Each structure stands twice: as C-alpha cells, then as structure tokens.
Amino acid sequence: MTTRPLDPDSVNAEAWHTYGEHHLRRGTVLPELERFDWGLRGTGPGAELLGELGGRRVLDLGCGTARHAAHLVRAHGASVDAVDSSPAQVERARARYASLPGLRLIEADAVEHLDTAEPYDVVYSVNGVPYIDPRRLLPALAAALRPGGTLCFTVLHTNSRGDGPSTVVRSRPEMLRLAGGGEVTVRMWVLSPELWTDLLAEQGLRVEGIDVLDAPEEDNHASYRIFRVTRPVRVSSRPRGSRAPLPHAAIGVGAILHGPQGLLLGRHRRGTWELPGGTVEPGESLEETVVRELREETGVEARPGDVRLLGTLLDHVDGVVRISVASRLTAWRGEPRDQPGERVGDWRWFALDRLPENLFVCSAQGLTAWRPDLPIDHTPAHFTPYAG
C-alpha cells in the first residue's frame, strides 16, 4: 500500500503547528521591535515602505506572534488586522497583545480571510507569502486590495545553503529550525523576481520596486527580496514601437470574449496581453476573419453569426494609418488552448477589475470602445461605432 504525499498546504499547516507548540512549551518571548524590519534582525528598510498608515485599513498577512503589527499600532498609530492560520501562533500573539487597542488578532486561512474581508488600503507580509501557492493567494490579494492600495511582502530568494530561486511555479522543501535544536520541513514557493513580477501583473498588480535583503553573516547565503507593489487606479498599455510598418492596405480585427469566467486575453511573445485577432485576408468578411483568427490562435470555435462588430478604430504611427475593427462574440464553443506556431498563447480569463498590465495598445483601444468605463490608458484613436 502506497501513501500519497501530503499537499503543501497540509505540510505547512502541520509544520507551523509544531513550531508554535514548541515555542509555547518553551515559553519563548521575543523582544519588542525597536523598528519595523522585514525579517533579518533590523537590516534593510523599515515601515516607510508602507507609506502613511493613519486612518487606513492595514492587514498583516501571516502575522505569527504579531510583533510587527503591534509595533505599527504603537509607533505609527495604525489600526491593523493581524491574520495567521496557526492556532498556536495566534495563541502566542493573544497572550501578549490581546488588550492592545487598534490590533485585531484573527485565526484564519489567509485566502479565506481575503475572500471575505472588506478591501484593505495596505497589506504587508513578512516572510509569509512564500508558504502559499501564488496561484491561490495572488488573485485573493488583488481582490482584497483597494485601487491605489499598497502591498509589500518578503520572499526567500536564496537559502542559507545558496540554493537560488526557480523559474517555474512549483514549491520545494525547506527547513524551519526550532529554538533549542531540531527542525521541521515546510514547502515554499521560492521563485525568481521576474516570475513573481509576471504573476502579480496577471492579477493587475504593478511592481514599483524590489529591495535586496541579505543575511549579515558572511557564512550565511540567505537572501530575501522585498516587493513593493501597488494596485493601479488605472491600467497602463504598452505603446507601439517607433518604427512605422511598411505602407500597405491592411485592416485587423480584435475579438472580445467576455463571460462568467471573465475576459479572454493571451500573452504575445513580446510580453503584451492581447485579444484574439489578426489581419483580414483577401476575400474574407470581417466576421469571417474574427472566426478564423479565434480558431487559429485559441482553438475556440464560433460562427460568423456569433460576431457583433462594434466599430472602426483609426490611429496612425509615423504617418501610416492603422485600422482596427473591434468585435464582440455572443457565443463560442470550446476552451482556449495554446496553438502550435502562434505568437500569442497562455490564454487566460481576467476579471474586468483585475486586467493585467502591458495591454497591447490595439486591444486596449478595442476594450475601451466596448466599455468606455474601463480604467485603461492608451494612445488616442478615432472610434466610429456601427449602427446596432
């Protein structure tokens, strides 16, 4: 009989339970923080990364014993919700800070709390984020952060042995050392800064800066990264290059597929996010082009009768007129999948209030022609709607 390995969430829940119970038995009391630090004994930047905290909703995610939250309440006049899923860690925090005004201690799974809480102005996490699958955590974080809000968190970059980050979204075992000897195994997502940046951008979150935080001991290779992130009030688009296309008569289409799962976008090899679409071929109607391009790029099937043409967008680059026709699909069949030989892939559904950064400018123009209320910035284009 074979035993199935535990999933990372179960491994980490058991590890943190063991960790907290160990310190409860030992009666471990950590000193109060003299300044806010990001996990390496006072080195690196402090609470200034979080901005002004007075009158704002603040969340400490994975608070542990809540020392950081207590420091912000006392030294910066903040009101902080401090959340941790470990009963033992929350018990340690309550034994010390239960009566501190302005601090609310919550025992809950991070994602479950984010899914039900009112949006926050500031969310921070000191070494808590890498213990949760980013595919599960980041959508919840984006939804729980107000537009214009601040997110700051630390992640492991290189462990004490010198093992560096991964370029794929996969957890790996790391050791959590216990005071007085012993250790427990945890699962962590130790990812490259570029991968973290891409994952955040997929949720409409913009990385404003990344700080390096190295262990002070010469024989300790541990290194962390502090991510400073915002949820923009408006989404930016990437402009076209400055080189004009070769002069020719060309017209393109963009297809808007929006349903219960969200809006369909794919990532171009250049890194921009785009609607399905492309150039009209000789002899095609615009509706036929939409159907063909949708099938070629995503494998999704539709009929010309499912296509509603919204109107024509005209702009120009270095004197060359560019013509795009925005369209909306009323019905389609199948799920989008990457297609061999296509320049656009990684097809995903996005909520309209969490569109990714770096939208292709033609797609950005088409989306605002469809929904002028979407907070997307792009170069201007003349839009002529079609009747009906």
Protein backbone atom coordinates (compact mmCIF):
# COMPACT_ATOMS: atom_id res chain seq x y z
CA MET A 1 0.00 0.00 0.00
CA THR A 2 1.43 3.37 -1.01
CA THR A 3 0.85 6.55 0.94
CA ARG A 4 0.01 9.67 -1.01
CA PRO A 5 2.28 12.61 -0.16
CA LEU A 6 0.64 15.47 1.69
CA ASP A 7 -0.14 18.59 -0.28
CA PRO A 8 1.93 21.73 0.51
CA ASP A 9 -0.91 23.36 2.49
CA SER A 10 -1.16 20.36 4.81
CA VAL A 11 2.62 20.11 5.19
CA ASN A 12 2.88 23.79 6.14
CA ALA A 13 -0.12 23.70 8.49
CA GLU A 14 1.43 20.81 10.40
CA ALA A 15 4.87 22.47 10.42
CA TRP A 16 3.61 25.76 11.81
CA HIS A 17 1.52 23.92 14.40
CA THR A 18 4.65 22.08 15.53
CA TYR A 19 6.65 25.34 15.50
CA GLY A 20 4.08 27.23 17.58
CA GLU A 21 3.55 24.41 20.09
CA HIS A 22 7.33 24.13 20.50
CA HIS A 23 7.61 27.78 21.48
CA LEU A 24 4.55 27.64 23.71
CA ARG A 25 6.15 24.79 25.69
CA ARG A 26 9.46 26.67 25.89
CA GLY A 27 7.74 29.91 26.87
CA THR A 28 9.72 31.75 24.19
CA VAL A 29 9.32 35.52 24.48
CA LEU A 30 10.69 37.58 21.60
CA PRO A 31 11.82 41.17 22.26
CA GLU A 32 9.62 44.03 21.10
CA LEU A 33 10.67 45.60 17.83
CA GLU A 34 12.51 48.90 18.13
CA ARG A 35 11.92 49.48 14.41
CA PHE A 36 9.92 47.67 11.77
CA ASP A 37 12.11 45.16 9.95
CA TRP A 38 11.47 42.73 7.10
CA GLY A 39 12.89 39.62 8.67
CA LEU A 40 16.68 39.88 9.16
CA ARG A 41 17.18 41.46 12.57
CA GLY A 42 16.77 45.12 11.77
CA THR A 43 18.69 45.27 8.49
CA GLY A 44 17.23 46.89 5.40
CA PRO A 45 14.35 49.36 5.05
CA GLY A 46 11.60 49.82 7.62
CA ALA A 47 7.94 50.83 7.83
CA GLU A 48 8.45 53.71 5.39
CA LEU A 49 7.77 51.24 2.55
CA LEU A 50 4.14 51.08 3.70
CA GLY A 51 3.51 54.82 3.39
CA GLU A 52 1.18 56.81 5.64
CA LEU A 53 -0.83 54.44 7.86
CA GLY A 54 -3.12 56.74 9.84
CA GLY A 55 -6.79 56.23 9.04
CA ARG A 56 -6.10 53.38 6.59
CA ARG A 57 -7.14 49.72 6.74
CA VAL A 58 -3.98 47.65 7.27
CA LEU A 59 -3.53 43.87 7.11
CA ASP A 60 -0.60 41.79 8.43
CA LEU A 61 -0.79 38.51 6.50
CA GLY A 62 0.86 35.59 8.28
CA CYS A 63 1.41 37.64 11.43
CA GLY A 64 2.94 34.89 13.63
CA THR A 65 3.33 36.40 17.10
CA ALA A 66 2.10 39.78 15.75
CA ARG A 67 5.20 41.75 16.80
CA HIS A 68 5.22 43.73 13.55
CA ALA A 69 1.54 44.56 13.81
CA ALA A 70 1.92 45.65 17.45
CA HIS A 71 4.86 47.88 16.51
CA LEU A 72 2.82 49.62 13.78
CA VAL A 73 -0.05 50.20 16.22
CA ARG A 74 2.19 51.67 18.91
CA ALA A 75 4.76 53.57 16.85
CA HIS A 76 2.69 54.65 13.84
CA GLY A 77 -0.87 54.88 15.16
CA ALA A 78 -2.07 52.21 12.73
CA SER A 79 -5.16 50.02 13.06
CA VAL A 80 -4.11 46.54 11.99
CA ASP A 81 -5.86 43.23 11.31
CA ALA A 82 -3.27 40.51 12.02
CA VAL A 83 -4.09 37.12 10.47
CA ASP A 84 -2.43 33.73 10.92
CA SER A 85 -3.70 30.20 10.30
CA SER A 86 -1.68 28.59 13.12
CA PRO A 87 -3.72 28.27 16.35
CA ALA A 88 -0.50 28.06 18.38
CA GLN A 89 0.95 31.22 16.83
CA VAL A 90 -2.29 33.15 17.38
CA GLU A 91 -2.38 31.90 20.97
CA ARG A 92 1.13 33.30 21.49
CA ALA A 93 0.04 36.62 19.98
CA ARG A 94 -3.11 36.84 22.12
CA ALA A 95 -1.18 36.08 25.30
CA ARG A 96 0.88 39.19 24.62
CA TYR A 97 -1.31 41.65 22.71
CA ALA A 98 -4.96 40.72 23.30
CA SER A 99 -5.66 44.03 25.07
CA LEU A 100 -3.73 46.31 22.65
CA PRO A 101 -6.20 48.86 21.18
CA GLY A 102 -6.01 49.10 17.40
CA LEU A 103 -4.86 45.49 16.92
CA ARG A 104 -7.31 42.77 15.87
CA LEU A 105 -5.94 39.22 16.00
CA ILE A 106 -7.61 36.74 13.61
CA GLU A 107 -7.07 32.99 13.32
CA ALA A 108 -7.92 32.14 9.71
CA ASP A 109 -6.59 30.78 6.44
CA ALA A 110 -5.08 33.69 4.53
CA VAL A 111 -7.05 33.19 1.31
CA GLU A 112 -10.33 32.55 3.13
CA HIS A 113 -9.87 35.78 5.09
CA LEU A 114 -9.01 37.79 1.97
CA ASP A 115 -12.08 36.40 0.18
CA THR A 116 -14.46 37.66 2.89
CA ALA A 117 -12.80 40.81 4.27
CA GLU A 118 -13.55 44.39 3.28
CA PRO A 119 -10.81 45.75 0.98
CA TYR A 120 -7.59 46.98 2.59
CA ASP A 121 -5.53 50.10 1.85
CA VAL A 122 -2.26 48.45 2.92
CA VAL A 123 -1.35 44.75 3.03
CA TYR A 124 2.06 43.51 4.16
CA SER A 125 3.61 40.15 4.91
CA VAL A 126 6.98 39.44 6.49
CA ASN A 127 8.06 36.08 5.03
CA GLY A 128 4.51 34.73 4.89
CA VAL A 129 3.74 34.84 1.15
CA PRO A 130 6.15 32.04 0.01
CA TYR A 131 4.25 29.44 2.09
CA ILE A 132 1.07 29.73 -0.01
CA ASP A 133 0.61 28.72 -3.65
CA PRO A 134 0.71 32.04 -5.54
CA ARG A 135 -1.94 30.76 -7.97
CA ARG A 136 -4.28 30.61 -4.97
CA LEU A 137 -3.03 33.61 -2.99
CA LEU A 138 -2.40 36.36 -5.53
CA PRO A 139 -5.95 36.54 -7.01
CA ALA A 140 -7.32 36.86 -3.47
CA LEU A 141 -4.73 39.51 -2.59
CA ALA A 142 -5.55 41.56 -5.70
CA ALA A 143 -9.28 41.42 -4.96
CA ALA A 144 -8.76 42.45 -1.32
CA LEU A 145 -6.55 45.47 -2.13
CA ARG A 146 -8.23 48.78 -2.92
CA PRO A 147 -7.32 50.50 -6.21
CA GLY A 148 -4.35 52.69 -5.34
CA GLY A 149 -3.52 50.45 -2.38
CA THR A 150 -0.07 49.23 -1.30
CA LEU A 151 1.18 45.65 -0.99
CA CYS A 152 4.63 44.87 0.47
CA PHE A 153 5.99 41.40 1.15
CA THR A 154 9.25 39.50 1.52
CA VAL A 155 10.11 36.26 -0.24
CA LEU A 156 13.07 33.92 0.04
CA HIS A 157 15.46 34.34 -2.92
CA THR A 158 18.47 32.19 -1.91
CA ASN A 159 18.50 29.91 1.12
CA SER A 160 21.35 29.57 3.63
CA ARG A 161 22.96 26.81 1.51
CA GLY A 162 22.99 29.05 -1.56
CA ASP A 163 20.13 27.37 -3.46
CA GLY A 164 18.67 30.00 -5.79
CA PRO A 165 15.11 30.69 -6.99
CA SER A 166 13.07 28.74 -9.54
CA THR A 167 11.68 29.98 -12.87
CA VAL A 168 8.60 27.71 -12.63
CA VAL A 169 5.67 27.90 -10.22
CA ARG A 170 6.45 24.92 -8.02
CA SER A 171 7.01 24.51 -4.28
CA ARG A 172 10.14 22.92 -2.83
CA PRO A 173 11.13 21.64 0.63
CA GLU A 174 12.91 23.98 3.02
CA MET A 175 13.84 23.53 6.69
CA LEU A 176 12.29 25.53 9.53
CA ARG A 177 14.65 25.50 12.51
CA LEU A 178 13.38 25.27 16.09
CA ALA A 179 14.91 27.15 19.00
CA GLY A 180 16.98 24.82 21.16
CA GLY A 181 17.54 22.34 18.34
CA GLY A 182 15.53 20.40 15.82
CA GLU A 183 13.82 21.36 12.59
CA VAL A 184 10.65 20.71 10.58
CA THR A 185 10.11 20.56 6.83
CA VAL A 186 7.99 23.16 5.08
CA ARG A 187 7.07 23.68 1.43
CA MET A 188 7.92 27.08 -0.07
CA TRP A 189 7.49 28.77 -3.42
CA VAL A 190 11.00 30.19 -4.00
CA LEU A 191 10.56 31.97 -7.34
CA SER A 192 12.66 34.37 -9.39
CA PRO A 193 11.80 38.09 -9.17
CA GLU A 194 10.82 38.03 -12.86
CA LEU A 195 8.33 35.22 -12.24
CA TRP A 196 6.87 36.95 -9.17
CA THR A 197 6.51 40.13 -11.25
CA ASP A 198 4.68 38.26 -14.04
CA LEU A 199 2.35 36.53 -11.58
CA LEU A 200 1.49 39.84 -9.92
CA ALA A 201 0.94 41.57 -13.28
CA GLU A 202 -1.53 38.84 -14.28
CA GLN A 203 -3.69 40.00 -11.36
CA GLY A 204 -3.46 43.68 -12.32
CA LEU A 205 -0.79 44.43 -9.70
CA ARG A 206 2.22 46.59 -10.59
CA VAL A 207 5.67 46.09 -9.03
CA GLU A 208 7.08 49.51 -8.14
CA GLY A 209 10.40 48.25 -6.77
CA ILE A 210 12.30 45.27 -5.39
CA ASP A 211 14.76 45.61 -2.50
CA VAL A 212 17.57 43.13 -1.79
CA LEU A 213 17.88 41.91 1.80
CA ASP A 214 20.94 39.75 2.53
CA ALA A 215 21.82 37.95 5.75
CA PRO A 216 24.51 39.92 7.64
CA GLU A 217 26.67 36.84 8.43
CA GLU A 218 29.42 36.11 5.90
CA ASP A 219 28.87 32.34 6.04
CA ASN A 220 25.07 32.65 5.58
CA HIS A 221 23.96 32.76 1.92
CA ALA A 222 20.32 33.56 2.77
CA SER A 223 18.94 36.40 0.70
CA TYR A 224 15.45 37.82 0.51
CA ARG A 225 13.59 40.21 -1.80
CA ILE A 226 11.13 42.84 -0.63
CA PHE A 227 8.44 43.54 -3.22
CA ARG A 228 6.80 46.97 -3.27
CA VAL A 229 3.54 46.62 -5.21
CA THR A 230 0.50 48.76 -5.99
CA ARG A 231 -2.91 48.07 -7.43
CA PRO A 232 -3.13 50.87 -10.01
CA VAL A 233 -6.22 53.03 -10.21
CA ARG A 234 -5.81 52.85 -13.97
CA VAL A 235 -4.27 50.13 -16.17
CA SER A 236 -1.43 51.14 -18.47
CA SER A 237 -0.90 49.85 -22.00
CA ARG A 238 2.38 49.36 -23.81
CA PRO A 239 2.78 51.71 -26.82
CA ARG A 240 3.76 50.53 -30.25
CA GLY A 241 7.38 50.75 -31.34
CA SER A 242 8.54 53.92 -33.09
CA ARG A 243 9.34 52.21 -36.41
CA ALA A 244 6.50 52.55 -38.90
CA PRO A 245 5.12 49.44 -40.64
CA LEU A 246 5.63 49.03 -44.38
CA PRO A 247 2.93 51.00 -46.24
CA HIS A 248 0.15 48.68 -47.32
CA ALA A 249 -3.61 48.35 -47.16
CA ALA A 250 -4.23 46.36 -44.01
CA ILE A 251 -7.13 46.03 -41.63
CA GLY A 252 -7.23 43.97 -38.45
CA VAL A 253 -9.86 42.69 -36.06
CA GLY A 254 -9.93 42.14 -32.32
CA ALA A 255 -12.37 39.71 -30.68
CA ILE A 256 -13.81 40.36 -27.22
CA LEU A 257 -14.89 37.17 -25.43
CA HIS A 258 -16.42 38.07 -22.08
CA GLY A 259 -18.49 35.71 -19.98
CA PRO A 260 -18.83 34.26 -16.47
CA GLN A 261 -15.13 33.31 -16.42
CA GLY A 262 -14.04 36.85 -17.32
CA LEU A 263 -12.33 38.41 -20.35
CA LEU A 264 -10.10 36.27 -22.59
CA LEU A 265 -6.55 37.59 -23.15
CA GLY A 266 -3.36 35.91 -24.40
CA ARG A 267 0.29 36.82 -23.95
CA HIS A 268 2.32 37.71 -27.05
CA ARG A 269 5.96 36.66 -27.30
CA ARG A 270 6.83 40.36 -26.76
CA GLY A 271 5.14 40.21 -23.37
CA THR A 272 1.97 42.18 -24.14
CA TRP A 273 -1.50 40.85 -23.33
CA GLU A 274 -3.85 40.83 -26.33
CA LEU A 275 -7.33 39.98 -27.53
CA PRO A 276 -7.62 37.21 -30.12
CA GLY A 277 -7.45 38.69 -33.59
CA GLY A 278 -5.35 39.49 -36.60
CA THR A 279 -5.26 40.74 -40.17
CA VAL A 280 -8.08 40.38 -42.69
CA GLU A 281 -7.14 38.12 -45.60
CA PRO A 282 -8.30 38.68 -49.20
CA GLY A 283 -11.87 37.56 -49.80
CA GLU A 284 -12.87 37.47 -46.10
CA SER A 285 -15.60 39.39 -44.39
CA LEU A 286 -14.73 40.93 -41.04
CA GLU A 287 -16.90 38.37 -39.25
CA GLU A 288 -15.13 35.51 -41.07
CA THR A 289 -11.76 36.94 -40.05
CA VAL A 290 -12.82 37.01 -36.40
CA VAL A 291 -13.93 33.36 -36.57
CA ARG A 292 -10.76 32.23 -38.35
CA GLU A 293 -8.33 34.11 -36.10
CA LEU A 294 -10.13 32.90 -32.98
CA ARG A 295 -9.85 29.27 -34.13
CA GLU A 296 -6.22 29.58 -35.27
CA GLU A 297 -5.00 31.31 -32.09
CA THR A 298 -7.10 29.63 -29.38
CA GLY A 299 -8.85 26.57 -30.85
CA VAL A 300 -12.21 28.10 -29.84
CA GLU A 301 -14.98 27.73 -32.45
CA ALA A 302 -17.60 30.34 -33.38
CA ARG A 303 -19.81 31.21 -36.34
CA PRO A 304 -19.92 34.48 -38.28
CA GLY A 305 -23.43 34.94 -36.92
CA ASP A 306 -21.98 34.97 -33.37
CA VAL A 307 -19.88 38.07 -34.19
CA ARG A 308 -21.11 41.60 -33.40
CA LEU A 309 -18.95 44.28 -35.00
CA LEU A 310 -18.66 47.27 -32.66
CA GLY A 311 -16.94 49.84 -34.90
CA THR A 312 -13.75 51.05 -36.52
CA LEU A 313 -10.72 52.43 -34.69
CA LEU A 314 -8.34 54.68 -36.63
CA ASP A 315 -4.95 55.87 -35.46
CA HIS A 316 -1.54 56.21 -37.06
CA VAL A 317 2.15 55.57 -36.42
CA ASP A 318 4.65 57.79 -38.23
CA GLY A 319 2.06 58.75 -40.83
CA VAL A 320 0.81 55.24 -41.56
CA VAL A 321 -2.90 54.79 -40.85
CA ARG A 322 -3.78 51.75 -38.75
CA ILE A 323 -7.34 50.39 -38.96
CA SER A 324 -8.78 48.00 -36.38
CA VAL A 325 -12.32 46.72 -36.03
CA ALA A 326 -13.44 45.81 -32.53
CA SER A 327 -15.91 42.94 -32.22
CA ARG A 328 -17.83 41.09 -29.51
CA LEU A 329 -18.60 37.36 -29.52
CA THR A 330 -22.09 36.47 -28.32
CA ALA A 331 -21.42 32.71 -28.33
CA TRP A 332 -18.49 30.32 -28.72
CA ARG A 333 -17.66 26.67 -28.19
CA GLY A 334 -14.63 25.08 -26.54
CA GLU A 335 -11.95 26.18 -24.12
CA PRO A 336 -8.96 28.29 -25.27
CA ARG A 337 -5.65 26.43 -25.64
CA ASP A 338 -2.25 27.41 -27.00
CA GLN A 339 -1.93 26.55 -30.69
CA PRO A 340 1.27 25.40 -32.44
CA GLY A 341 3.17 28.11 -34.31
CA GLU A 342 1.11 31.03 -32.96
CA ARG A 343 2.82 34.10 -31.48
CA VAL A 344 0.12 34.57 -28.84
CA GLY A 345 -0.65 31.96 -26.17
CA ASP A 346 -1.00 31.43 -22.42
CA TRP A 347 -4.71 32.21 -22.80
CA ARG A 348 -6.42 33.20 -19.56
CA TRP A 349 -9.67 34.70 -18.29
CA PHE A 350 -9.38 38.01 -16.38
CA ALA A 351 -11.90 39.88 -14.24
CA LEU A 352 -12.55 43.34 -15.66
CA ASP A 353 -11.40 44.97 -12.40
CA ARG A 354 -8.12 42.99 -12.47
CA LEU A 355 -6.86 43.38 -16.01
CA PRO A 356 -3.12 42.74 -16.43
CA GLU A 357 -0.55 45.42 -17.07
CA ASN A 358 1.00 45.85 -20.56
CA LEU A 359 -2.10 45.51 -22.69
CA PHE A 360 -1.34 45.73 -26.43
CA VAL A 361 -2.46 49.20 -27.48
CA CYS A 362 -4.87 47.96 -30.19
CA SER A 363 -6.54 45.64 -27.68
CA ALA A 364 -6.69 48.47 -25.13
CA GLN A 365 -8.40 50.70 -27.70
CA GLY A 366 -10.90 47.98 -28.61
CA LEU A 367 -11.76 47.29 -24.98
CA THR A 368 -12.48 50.95 -24.21
CA ALA A 369 -14.56 51.20 -27.38
CA TRP A 370 -16.65 48.34 -25.95
CA ARG A 371 -16.63 49.57 -22.35
CA PRO A 372 -15.60 53.25 -22.03
CA ASP A 373 -15.72 52.92 -18.22
CA LEU A 374 -12.76 50.53 -18.09
CA PRO A 375 -9.73 52.22 -16.43
CA ILE A 376 -7.30 51.64 -19.31
CA ASP A 377 -4.82 54.25 -20.55
CA HIS A 378 -3.72 54.15 -24.20
CA THR A 379 -2.85 56.38 -27.12
CA PRO A 380 -5.96 58.00 -28.63
CA ALA A 381 -7.83 56.55 -31.59
CA HIS A 382 -10.85 57.75 -33.59
CA PHE A 383 -13.72 55.35 -32.97
CA THR A 384 -16.69 55.14 -35.32
CA PRO A 385 -19.39 52.85 -33.92
CA TYR A 386 -21.51 50.72 -36.22
CA ALA A 387 -25.26 51.11 -36.07
CA GLY A 388 -26.93 48.47 -33.88
